[in-house]
């Protein structure tokens, strides 16, 4: 279905472009496990960060609500951002 084409698009970006993965949950949630290589910036302070506009930003959280908020925040600031959604449903290596 739709999620497959999104997965393919994400894979393509991760192969060909500069990107960062941002875990927008709390530090405690992040410490319990996160996507390999993800950085932790809680969604409520994400607008205070100055990201490279050439870098694609992937965001995720526990259920998808906070990452959706972070997505809209970053999108409105002119970043290329993708919402990966809920942590448990993301098919990427975790640590």
C-alpha atoms as a PDB file:
ATOM      1  CA  UNK A   1       0.000   0.000   0.000  1.00  0.00           C
ATOM      2  CA  UNK A   2       0.977   3.592   0.591  1.00  0.00           C
ATOM      3  CA  UNK A   3       3.508   2.865   3.336  1.00  0.00           C
ATOM      4  CA  UNK A   4       5.657   0.895   0.905  1.00  0.00           C
ATOM      5  CA  UNK A   5       6.259   3.822  -1.414  1.00  0.00           C
ATOM      6  CA  UNK A   6       7.059   5.958   1.632  1.00  0.00           C
ATOM      7  CA  UNK A   7       9.576   3.324   2.793  1.00  0.00           C
ATOM      8  CA  UNK A   8      11.159   3.288  -0.666  1.00  0.00           C
ATOM      9  CA  UNK A   9      11.384   7.070  -0.702  1.00  0.00           C
ATOM     10  CA  UNK A  10      12.996   7.059   2.754  1.00  0.00           C
ATOM     11  CA  UNK A  11      15.490   4.365   1.707  1.00  0.00           C
ATOM     12  CA  UNK A  12      16.412   6.368  -1.395  1.00  0.00           C
ATOM     13  CA  UNK A  13      17.026   9.524   0.670  1.00  0.00           C
ATOM     14  CA  UNK A  14      19.121   7.600   3.194  1.00  0.00           C
ATOM     15  CA  UNK A  15      21.289   6.240   0.389  1.00  0.00           C
ATOM     16  CA  UNK A  16      21.680   9.420  -1.634  1.00  0.00           C
ATOM     17  CA  UNK A  17      21.349  12.445   0.621  1.00  0.00           C
ATOM     18  CA  UNK A  18      22.523  13.982   3.876  1.00  0.00           C
ATOM     19  CA  UNK A  19      19.991  13.353   6.590  1.00  0.00           C
ATOM     20  CA  UNK A  20      19.521  13.265  10.323  1.00  0.00           C
ATOM     21  CA  UNK A  21      17.047  11.264  12.355  1.00  0.00           C
ATOM     22  CA  UNK A  22      15.563  13.121  15.306  1.00  0.00           C
ATOM     23  CA  UNK A  23      13.841  11.344  18.190  1.00  0.00           C
ATOM     24  CA  UNK A  24      11.415  13.991  19.469  1.00  0.00           C
ATOM     25  CA  UNK A  25      10.500  12.086  22.654  1.00  0.00           C
ATOM     26  CA  UNK A  26      11.822  12.838  26.132  1.00  0.00           C
ATOM     27  CA  UNK A  27      15.393  12.017  27.141  1.00  0.00           C
ATOM     28  CA  UNK A  28      14.095   9.164  29.337  1.00  0.00           C
ATOM     29  CA  UNK A  29      12.172   7.599  26.432  1.00  0.00           C
ATOM     30  CA  UNK A  30      15.191   8.000  24.165  1.00  0.00           C
ATOM     31  CA  UNK A  31      17.436   6.305  26.732  1.00  0.00           C
ATOM     32  CA  UNK A  32      15.145   3.266  26.781  1.00  0.00           C
ATOM     33  CA  UNK A  33      15.851   2.666  23.087  1.00  0.00           C
ATOM     34  CA  UNK A  34      15.990   4.597  19.849  1.00  0.00           C
ATOM     35  CA  UNK A  35      16.774   4.291  16.154  1.00  0.00           C
ATOM     36  CA  UNK A  36      20.484   3.747  15.598  1.00  0.00           C
ATOM     37  CA  UNK A  37      22.170   7.092  15.013  1.00  0.00           C
ATOM     38  CA  UNK A  38      19.151   9.180  16.029  1.00  0.00           C
ATOM     39  CA  UNK A  39      19.663  12.359  18.017  1.00  0.00           C
ATOM     40  CA  UNK A  40      17.300  13.346  20.810  1.00  0.00           C
ATOM     41  CA  UNK A  41      15.623  16.750  20.575  1.00  0.00           C
ATOM     42  CA  UNK A  42      12.239  16.890  22.343  1.00  0.00           C
ATOM     43  CA  UNK A  43       9.525  18.173  20.014  1.00  0.00           C
ATOM     44  CA  UNK A  44       8.688  21.186  22.176  1.00  0.00           C
ATOM     45  CA  UNK A  45      12.187  22.683  21.716  1.00  0.00           C
ATOM     46  CA  UNK A  46      12.885  21.533  18.152  1.00  0.00           C
ATOM     47  CA  UNK A  47      12.232  24.997  16.689  1.00  0.00           C
ATOM     48  CA  UNK A  48      15.163  26.339  18.755  1.00  0.00           C
ATOM     49  CA  UNK A  49      17.611  24.207  16.760  1.00  0.00           C
ATOM     50  CA  UNK A  50      19.341  25.468  13.669  1.00  0.00           C
ATOM     51  CA  UNK A  51      19.554  22.606  11.184  1.00  0.00           C
ATOM     52  CA  UNK A  52      21.288  22.668   7.816  1.00  0.00           C
ATOM     53  CA  UNK A  53      18.647  23.439   5.179  1.00  0.00           C
ATOM     54  CA  UNK A  54      20.343  20.970   2.803  1.00  0.00           C
ATOM     55  CA  UNK A  55      19.919  18.113   5.267  1.00  0.00           C
ATOM     56  CA  UNK A  56      16.749  16.020   5.224  1.00  0.00           C
ATOM     57  CA  UNK A  57      15.249  15.644   8.697  1.00  0.00           C
ATOM     58  CA  UNK A  58      13.389  12.515   9.780  1.00  0.00           C
ATOM     59  CA  UNK A  59      11.369  12.761  12.986  1.00  0.00           C
ATOM     60  CA  UNK A  60       9.669  10.119  15.096  1.00  0.00           C
ATOM     61  CA  UNK A  61       8.199   9.655  18.575  1.00  0.00           C
ATOM     62  CA  UNK A  62       6.332   7.037  20.588  1.00  0.00           C
ATOM     63  CA  UNK A  63       2.881   7.178  18.985  1.00  0.00           C
ATOM     64  CA  UNK A  64       3.203   9.649  16.102  1.00  0.00           C
ATOM     65  CA  UNK A  65       1.552  12.665  17.769  1.00  0.00           C
ATOM     66  CA  UNK A  66       4.690  14.546  18.824  1.00  0.00           C
ATOM     67  CA  UNK A  67       6.503  13.742  15.583  1.00  0.00           C
ATOM     68  CA  UNK A  68       3.548  15.177  13.669  1.00  0.00           C
ATOM     69  CA  UNK A  69       3.855  18.393  15.697  1.00  0.00           C
ATOM     70  CA  UNK A  70       7.616  18.464  15.067  1.00  0.00           C
ATOM     71  CA  UNK A  71       7.021  17.811  11.366  1.00  0.00           C
ATOM     72  CA  UNK A  72       4.686  20.805  11.039  1.00  0.00           C
ATOM     73  CA  UNK A  73       7.044  23.014  13.067  1.00  0.00           C
ATOM     74  CA  UNK A  74      10.098  22.169  10.948  1.00  0.00           C
ATOM     75  CA  UNK A  75       8.127  22.246   7.691  1.00  0.00           C
ATOM     76  CA  UNK A  76       6.917  25.755   8.484  1.00  0.00           C
ATOM     77  CA  UNK A  77      10.552  26.797   9.057  1.00  0.00           C
ATOM     78  CA  UNK A  78      11.452  25.642   5.556  1.00  0.00           C
ATOM     79  CA  UNK A  79      13.141  22.318   6.277  1.00  0.00           C
ATOM     80  CA  UNK A  80      12.739  19.134   4.233  1.00  0.00           C
ATOM     81  CA  UNK A  81      11.215  16.909   6.849  1.00  0.00           C
ATOM     82  CA  UNK A  82       9.609  13.467   6.925  1.00  0.00           C
ATOM     83  CA  UNK A  83       7.545  12.064   9.764  1.00  0.00           C
ATOM     84  CA  UNK A  84       8.518   8.438  10.403  1.00  0.00           C
ATOM     85  CA  UNK A  85       5.689   8.129  12.934  1.00  0.00           C
ATOM     86  CA  UNK A  86       5.572   5.679  15.829  1.00  0.00           C
ATOM     87  CA  UNK A  87       8.857   4.221  17.089  1.00  0.00           C
ATOM     88  CA  UNK A  88       7.612   0.618  17.338  1.00  0.00           C
ATOM     89  CA  UNK A  89       6.487   0.632  13.686  1.00  0.00           C
ATOM     90  CA  UNK A  90       9.714   1.984  12.178  1.00  0.00           C
ATOM     91  CA  UNK A  91      11.652  -0.642  10.289  1.00  0.00           C
ATOM     92  CA  UNK A  92      15.181   0.665  10.933  1.00  0.00           C
ATOM     93  CA  UNK A  93      17.973  -0.680  13.179  1.00  0.00           C
ATOM     94  CA  UNK A  94      17.500   0.261  16.832  1.00  0.00           C
ATOM     95  CA  UNK A  95      19.841   0.557  19.786  1.00  0.00           C
END
